[in-house]
Amino acid sequence: MERKDDAPILGIESSCDETAAAILAPDGRILAELVLSQIEDHAAFGGVVPEIAARAHLAALDAMVRQALREAGLGFADLACIAATAGPGLIGGLLVGTGYAKGAALAAGVPYLAINHLEAHALTARLPGQASAPVAFPYLLLLLSGGHSQCVAVEGVGRYRLLGSTLDDAVGEAFDKTAKLLGLPYPGGPALEALAREGDAKAVKLPRPLLGREGCDFSFSGLKTAIAQLLAVEPPGALPRARAADIAASFQACITDILGDRLRHALAMLPQASAVIVAGGVAANQAIRARLGEVAAQAGKPLIAPPLRLCTDNAVMVAWAAIERLRQGETSPLDTPCKPRWPLDTL
């Protein structure tokens, strides 16, 4: 297939419940950016239903890609590469996105690139415009989402060293499950953050698992259980809003304390880090951003967090990861499989 290294790149994201397409110029300028959320499709179930997600990706993806191409004034054959998230994620959605990307690449005669979703988050901070200067390797990545809680040493494109990860639930899962226990709507994380602003963060005493423990592993299942036990002894009937707000605020304060402590330990394990990068959906939480910023500043490191729209799943990060890989001369065979589990440190 013909390589056009000075041409734009199309990225496709379909690993969970956002269908997304984006086109980037080789220098990282965003030429088109589209995201379709499936929140309404899954809200009645209180979480993502894989079959519904896959069908929604299948229904929306072609029209979104063609709209992105129109906005950029391009055709498939004008692209340097077509990239898609190949894992980790829900297998149905991954098959839709990669199948589309492979077919389009084959028909247009351009290369295909299978992108690791976690690597895309890890490299977003290097997208031009995210910092005053390009972020130099190595840097420390704190990846916080519904499925992942990891501290990673990012030593280069494709070079990742796992410093710590969750021993049970991910931090985003803890947010969502606590929000559900409080009767908040899906998605729970943003709803809980909003309610927490009304409450007293010192009103409820909660455990802080692994706080002060050596290393930077995480544990959140005990905290989730503590919330469930706390609510089990509340009087029957609807929880008063003021009480719910106090619990939400106390829970969020507990999470920020844990994440701040884990970041301190991670920085001690990677003192040469040029910066601290926080990515993933939970990185949109403003209280968490503020605490991580304080900890990073105490260590003399800048904290770089993507704009809110690039914290959640998006195709801009997929296209940018493809650009980073293309610069190393990489492409993927069309028979590259999807990987529902694809740890970052195995790349």
Protein backbone atom coordinates (compact mmCIF):
# COMPACT_ATOMS: atom_id res chain seq x y z
CA MET A 1 0.00 0.00 0.00
CA GLU A 2 1.18 3.51 -0.79
CA ARG A 3 2.58 5.51 2.13
CA LYS A 4 1.72 9.23 2.16
CA ASP A 5 3.51 10.45 5.27
CA ASP A 6 2.50 14.09 4.73
CA ALA A 7 -1.22 13.31 4.51
CA PRO A 8 -3.92 13.37 7.24
CA ILE A 9 -4.83 10.41 9.46
CA LEU A 10 -8.31 9.09 10.24
CA GLY A 11 -8.89 7.70 13.73
CA ILE A 12 -11.86 5.58 14.82
CA GLU A 13 -12.90 4.81 18.41
CA SER A 14 -15.57 2.24 19.32
CA SER A 15 -14.23 0.40 22.35
CA CYS A 16 -17.13 1.11 24.71
CA ASP A 17 -20.13 3.46 24.52
CA GLU A 18 -18.85 6.35 22.41
CA THR A 19 -18.67 6.18 18.63
CA ALA A 20 -16.05 8.62 17.43
CA ALA A 21 -14.17 9.63 14.30
CA ALA A 22 -11.46 12.27 13.91
CA ILE A 23 -9.05 13.43 11.23
CA LEU A 24 -5.71 14.97 12.16
CA ALA A 25 -3.05 16.62 10.04
CA PRO A 26 0.45 15.10 10.42
CA ASP A 27 1.40 17.97 12.76
CA GLY A 28 -1.53 17.19 15.06
CA ARG A 29 -3.95 19.88 13.91
CA ILE A 30 -7.53 18.65 14.27
CA LEU A 31 -9.28 18.82 10.90
CA ALA A 32 -12.49 17.08 11.99
CA GLU A 33 -13.74 15.68 15.30
CA LEU A 34 -17.02 13.86 15.96
CA VAL A 35 -18.26 11.93 19.01
CA LEU A 36 -21.64 10.27 19.46
CA SER A 37 -22.49 9.30 23.03
CA GLN A 38 -24.69 6.30 23.76
CA ILE A 39 -25.67 7.43 27.28
CA GLU A 40 -29.40 7.46 26.49
CA ASP A 41 -29.19 3.95 25.03
CA HIS A 42 -27.77 2.52 28.26
CA ALA A 43 -29.26 4.77 30.95
CA ALA A 44 -32.26 2.51 31.60
CA PHE A 45 -29.90 -0.37 32.41
CA GLY A 46 -27.61 1.62 34.73
CA GLY A 47 -24.52 0.66 32.73
CA VAL A 48 -23.20 -0.28 29.32
CA VAL A 49 -24.90 -3.24 27.60
CA PRO A 50 -22.29 -4.66 25.17
CA GLU A 51 -24.75 -5.86 22.51
CA ILE A 52 -26.58 -2.53 22.45
CA ALA A 53 -23.26 -0.70 22.24
CA ALA A 54 -22.05 -2.79 19.29
CA ARG A 55 -25.29 -2.29 17.36
CA ALA A 56 -25.18 1.46 17.99
CA HIS A 57 -21.59 1.63 16.68
CA LEU A 58 -22.62 -0.30 13.57
CA ALA A 59 -25.55 2.03 12.92
CA ALA A 60 -23.61 5.27 13.35
CA LEU A 61 -20.01 4.75 12.27
CA ASP A 62 -20.17 5.00 8.49
CA ALA A 63 -22.16 8.25 8.51
CA MET A 64 -19.80 9.75 11.11
CA VAL A 65 -16.67 8.88 9.15
CA ARG A 66 -18.11 10.30 5.94
CA GLN A 67 -19.14 13.49 7.74
CA ALA A 68 -15.61 13.84 9.13
CA LEU A 69 -14.16 13.41 5.66
CA ARG A 70 -16.53 16.06 4.28
CA GLU A 71 -15.57 18.51 7.03
CA ALA A 72 -11.89 17.95 6.26
CA GLY A 73 -12.47 18.12 2.50
CA LEU A 74 -10.93 14.69 1.97
CA GLY A 75 -11.62 11.27 0.53
CA PHE A 76 -10.40 7.93 1.85
CA ALA A 77 -7.61 7.81 -0.73
CA ASP A 78 -6.25 11.16 0.53
CA LEU A 79 -5.36 9.68 3.91
CA ALA A 80 -1.95 8.56 5.11
CA CYS A 81 -3.50 5.91 7.31
CA ILE A 82 -6.76 4.67 8.82
CA ALA A 83 -6.41 3.77 12.49
CA ALA A 84 -8.86 2.19 14.91
CA THR A 85 -8.91 1.13 18.53
CA ALA A 86 -8.23 -2.62 18.55
CA GLY A 87 -8.32 -3.05 22.33
CA PRO A 88 -8.78 -3.17 25.20
CA GLY A 89 -12.55 -2.87 25.26
CA LEU A 90 -15.84 -4.59 24.48
CA ILE A 91 -15.24 -7.11 21.71
CA GLY A 92 -18.39 -6.24 19.74
CA GLY A 93 -17.52 -2.58 19.49
CA LEU A 94 -13.88 -3.32 18.70
CA LEU A 95 -14.92 -5.60 15.84
CA VAL A 96 -17.18 -2.91 14.37
CA GLY A 97 -14.50 -0.20 14.45
CA THR A 98 -11.57 -2.29 13.28
CA GLY A 99 -13.64 -4.08 10.64
CA TYR A 100 -14.71 -0.76 9.17
CA ALA A 101 -11.17 0.65 9.29
CA LYS A 102 -9.66 -2.43 7.65
CA GLY A 103 -12.26 -2.48 4.88
CA ALA A 104 -11.83 1.22 4.17
CA ALA A 105 -8.03 0.92 4.19
CA LEU A 106 -8.11 -2.04 1.81
CA ALA A 107 -10.54 -0.32 -0.57
CA ALA A 108 -8.60 2.96 -0.57
CA GLY A 109 -5.17 1.35 -0.77
CA VAL A 110 -3.85 3.04 2.38
CA PRO A 111 -2.24 1.49 5.50
CA TYR A 112 -4.14 0.37 8.58
CA LEU A 113 -3.00 0.80 12.19
CA ALA A 114 -4.37 -1.08 15.21
CA ILE A 115 -4.22 1.24 18.22
CA ASN A 116 -4.15 0.36 21.90
CA HIS A 117 -6.81 2.44 23.66
CA LEU A 118 -4.64 2.91 26.75
CA GLU A 119 -1.67 4.04 24.68
CA ALA A 120 -3.92 6.59 22.99
CA HIS A 121 -4.75 8.03 26.42
CA ALA A 122 -1.09 7.90 27.39
CA LEU A 123 0.09 9.88 24.38
CA THR A 124 -2.69 12.51 24.31
CA ALA A 125 -0.54 14.88 26.38
CA ARG A 126 1.94 15.04 23.49
CA LEU A 127 -0.74 16.34 21.11
CA PRO A 128 0.33 19.90 20.16
CA GLY A 129 -1.42 22.51 22.23
CA GLN A 130 -1.79 20.44 25.41
CA ALA A 131 1.28 21.99 27.05
CA SER A 132 3.51 25.03 26.49
CA ALA A 133 6.15 22.71 25.02
CA PRO A 134 6.16 19.10 23.85
CA VAL A 135 6.11 16.72 26.82
CA ALA A 136 9.45 14.93 27.01
CA PHE A 137 9.90 11.28 27.86
CA PRO A 138 9.87 9.87 30.46
CA TYR A 139 6.72 11.13 32.14
CA LEU A 140 4.34 9.70 34.71
CA LEU A 141 0.85 8.74 33.54
CA LEU A 142 -2.04 8.43 35.97
CA LEU A 143 -4.75 6.64 33.97
CA LEU A 144 -8.11 6.92 35.73
CA SER A 145 -11.27 5.58 34.13
CA GLY A 146 -14.20 3.24 34.59
CA GLY A 147 -12.06 0.25 33.69
CA HIS A 148 -8.53 1.27 34.65
CA SER A 149 -6.58 2.77 37.53
CA GLN A 150 -2.88 2.70 36.72
CA CYS A 151 0.37 4.52 37.37
CA VAL A 152 2.57 4.11 34.32
CA ALA A 153 6.09 5.24 33.46
CA VAL A 154 5.86 6.42 29.84
CA GLU A 155 9.40 6.02 28.56
CA GLY A 156 8.72 6.34 24.83
CA VAL A 157 6.19 5.43 22.16
CA GLY A 158 5.52 1.75 22.77
CA ARG A 159 7.64 1.72 25.94
CA TYR A 160 5.54 1.57 29.10
CA ARG A 161 6.40 0.35 32.59
CA LEU A 162 3.54 -0.37 34.99
CA LEU A 163 4.31 1.05 38.44
CA GLY A 164 0.98 0.27 40.08
CA SER A 165 -2.63 -0.63 39.32
CA THR A 166 -5.90 -1.42 41.04
CA LEU A 167 -6.13 -4.63 43.02
CA ASP A 168 -9.90 -4.78 42.52
CA ASP A 169 -12.28 -2.07 41.26
CA ALA A 170 -11.21 0.83 39.07
CA VAL A 171 -11.78 4.33 40.42
CA GLY A 172 -14.43 5.14 37.80
CA GLU A 173 -16.29 1.96 38.72
CA ALA A 174 -16.25 3.05 42.38
CA PHE A 175 -17.75 6.40 41.37
CA ASP A 176 -20.47 4.80 39.25
CA LYS A 177 -21.44 2.17 41.84
CA THR A 178 -21.53 4.71 44.66
CA ALA A 179 -23.66 7.03 42.55
CA LYS A 180 -26.05 4.16 41.85
CA LEU A 181 -26.31 3.39 45.58
CA LEU A 182 -27.20 7.05 46.13
CA GLY A 183 -29.92 6.84 43.49
CA LEU A 184 -28.16 9.15 41.05
CA PRO A 185 -28.70 8.85 37.28
CA TYR A 186 -26.28 7.17 34.87
CA PRO A 187 -23.49 8.05 34.20
CA GLY A 188 -22.81 8.28 37.89
CA GLY A 189 -19.45 10.04 38.03
CA PRO A 190 -20.53 13.52 36.84
CA ALA A 191 -23.77 13.31 38.86
CA LEU A 192 -21.88 12.44 42.04
CA GLU A 193 -19.37 15.26 41.49
CA ALA A 194 -22.22 17.75 41.11
CA LEU A 195 -23.99 16.51 44.26
CA ALA A 196 -20.73 16.57 46.24
CA ARG A 197 -20.52 20.34 45.78
CA GLU A 198 -23.56 20.67 48.06
CA GLY A 199 -22.20 18.50 50.86
CA ASP A 200 -19.76 18.48 53.78
CA ALA A 201 -16.68 16.43 52.91
CA LYS A 202 -16.02 15.76 56.62
CA ALA A 203 -19.53 14.62 57.49
CA VAL A 204 -18.95 10.88 57.02
CA LYS A 205 -15.93 8.86 58.10
CA LEU A 206 -14.84 6.46 55.36
CA PRO A 207 -11.86 4.09 54.95
CA ARG A 208 -8.95 5.08 52.74
CA PRO A 209 -7.59 1.76 51.45
CA LEU A 210 -3.78 1.48 51.03
CA LEU A 211 -3.25 5.09 52.17
CA GLY A 212 0.43 5.45 53.05
CA ARG A 213 1.23 1.95 51.81
CA GLU A 214 4.50 1.51 49.91
CA GLY A 215 4.12 1.50 46.12
CA CYS A 216 1.27 2.95 44.10
CA ASP A 217 -1.32 0.21 43.81
CA PHE A 218 -4.98 1.10 44.35
CA SER A 219 -7.95 -0.56 46.05
CA PHE A 220 -11.51 0.73 45.93
CA SER A 221 -13.79 -2.26 46.61
CA GLY A 222 -13.65 -1.77 50.38
CA LEU A 223 -14.68 1.85 50.01
CA LYS A 224 -17.62 0.85 47.84
CA THR A 225 -18.63 -1.75 50.47
CA ALA A 226 -18.38 0.86 53.23
CA ILE A 227 -20.84 3.09 51.35
CA ALA A 228 -23.24 0.17 50.89
CA GLN A 229 -23.07 -0.66 54.62
CA LEU A 230 -23.56 2.99 55.54
CA LEU A 231 -26.70 3.25 53.41
CA ALA A 232 -28.05 -0.07 54.67
CA VAL A 233 -28.67 1.43 58.15
CA GLU A 234 -30.27 4.64 56.89
CA PRO A 235 -33.99 5.07 57.69
CA PRO A 236 -36.41 3.56 55.13
CA GLY A 237 -37.50 5.73 52.22
CA ALA A 238 -35.74 8.19 49.99
CA LEU A 239 -32.42 9.47 51.28
CA PRO A 240 -32.67 13.21 52.12
CA ARG A 241 -30.72 15.26 49.59
CA ALA A 242 -28.57 16.91 52.27
CA ARG A 243 -27.55 13.50 53.62
CA ALA A 244 -26.84 12.20 50.10
CA ALA A 245 -24.73 15.30 49.40
CA ASP A 246 -22.68 14.76 52.57
CA ILE A 247 -22.03 11.13 51.62
CA ALA A 248 -21.10 12.13 48.05
CA ALA A 249 -18.74 14.85 49.28
CA SER A 250 -17.12 12.52 51.83
CA PHE A 251 -16.70 9.81 49.21
CA GLN A 252 -15.11 12.22 46.72
CA ALA A 253 -12.76 13.58 49.40
CA CYS A 254 -11.74 10.02 50.22
CA ILE A 255 -10.96 9.31 46.57
CA THR A 256 -8.92 12.51 46.19
CA ASP A 257 -6.92 11.64 49.32
CA ILE A 258 -6.17 8.16 47.97
CA LEU A 259 -5.18 9.38 44.52
CA GLY A 260 -3.01 12.14 45.95
CA ASP A 261 -1.21 9.64 48.19
CA ARG A 262 -0.71 7.15 45.36
CA LEU A 263 0.68 9.90 43.13
CA ARG A 264 3.24 10.88 45.78
CA HIS A 265 4.47 7.30 45.93
CA ALA A 266 4.53 6.99 42.13
CA LEU A 267 6.63 10.16 41.83
CA ALA A 268 9.10 8.72 44.33
CA MET A 269 9.36 5.67 42.05
CA LEU A 270 9.96 7.85 38.96
CA PRO A 271 11.84 10.96 40.16
CA GLN A 272 13.13 11.65 36.63
CA ALA A 273 9.60 12.19 35.27
CA SER A 274 9.35 15.40 33.24
CA ALA A 275 5.66 15.83 34.09
CA VAL A 276 2.58 14.17 35.54
CA ILE A 277 -0.13 13.36 33.01
CA VAL A 278 -3.65 12.50 34.15
CA ALA A 279 -5.96 10.92 31.58
CA GLY A 280 -9.18 8.93 31.37
CA GLY A 281 -12.76 9.84 32.17
CA VAL A 282 -12.17 10.39 35.91
CA ALA A 283 -9.57 13.03 34.99
CA ALA A 284 -12.55 15.29 34.21
CA ASN A 285 -13.34 15.54 37.94
CA GLN A 286 -12.26 19.00 39.05
CA ALA A 287 -11.61 18.10 42.72
CA ILE A 288 -9.33 15.27 41.64
CA ARG A 289 -7.50 17.51 39.17
CA ALA A 290 -6.94 20.10 41.89
CA ARG A 291 -5.50 17.59 44.38
CA LEU A 292 -3.24 15.94 41.82
CA GLY A 293 -2.05 19.38 40.75
CA GLU A 294 -1.08 20.19 44.35
CA VAL A 295 0.86 16.96 44.74
CA ALA A 296 2.65 17.40 41.41
CA ALA A 297 3.57 20.99 42.28
CA GLN A 298 5.01 19.88 45.63
CA ALA A 299 7.30 17.55 43.67
CA GLY A 300 8.22 20.31 41.24
CA LYS A 301 6.42 18.69 38.33
CA PRO A 302 3.79 20.20 36.02
CA LEU A 303 0.41 18.47 35.91
CA ILE A 304 -0.96 18.16 32.39
CA ALA A 305 -4.59 17.15 31.98
CA PRO A 306 -6.27 17.06 28.57
CA PRO A 307 -9.31 19.24 27.87
CA LEU A 308 -12.46 17.62 29.25
CA ARG A 309 -13.59 16.40 25.82
CA LEU A 310 -10.30 14.50 25.41
CA CYS A 311 -10.47 12.87 28.85
CA THR A 312 -13.32 10.58 27.86
CA ASP A 313 -13.15 8.18 24.90
CA ASN A 314 -12.52 10.03 21.65
CA ALA A 315 -10.97 9.50 18.23
CA VAL A 316 -8.56 12.44 18.36
CA MET A 317 -6.35 10.44 20.71
CA VAL A 318 -6.56 7.41 18.40
CA ALA A 319 -5.45 9.44 15.38
CA TRP A 320 -2.64 11.07 17.39
CA ALA A 321 -1.36 7.70 18.62
CA ALA A 322 -1.36 6.60 14.97
CA ILE A 323 0.73 9.63 14.04
CA GLU A 324 3.25 8.75 16.76
CA ARG A 325 3.40 5.15 15.48
CA LEU A 326 3.65 6.19 11.82
CA ARG A 327 6.64 8.37 12.66
CA GLN A 328 8.37 5.16 13.70
CA GLY A 329 7.51 3.56 10.38
CA GLU A 330 4.84 1.26 11.80
CA THR A 331 1.65 -0.07 10.23
CA SER A 332 -0.50 -3.12 11.05
CA PRO A 333 -1.39 -6.17 8.92
CA LEU A 334 -5.06 -6.39 8.01
CA ASP A 335 -5.34 -9.67 9.90
CA THR A 336 -4.35 -8.02 13.21
CA PRO A 337 -6.88 -9.30 15.78
CA CYS A 338 -8.85 -7.31 18.33
CA LYS A 339 -7.74 -7.73 21.94
CA PRO A 340 -10.42 -7.21 24.61
CA ARG A 341 -7.57 -7.40 27.12
CA TRP A 342 -4.41 -5.61 25.99
CA PRO A 343 -2.22 -4.39 28.88
CA LEU A 344 -0.23 -1.27 28.16
CA ASP A 345 3.04 -2.73 29.39
CA THR A 346 2.87 -5.57 26.81
CA LEU A 347 3.25 -3.21 23.85
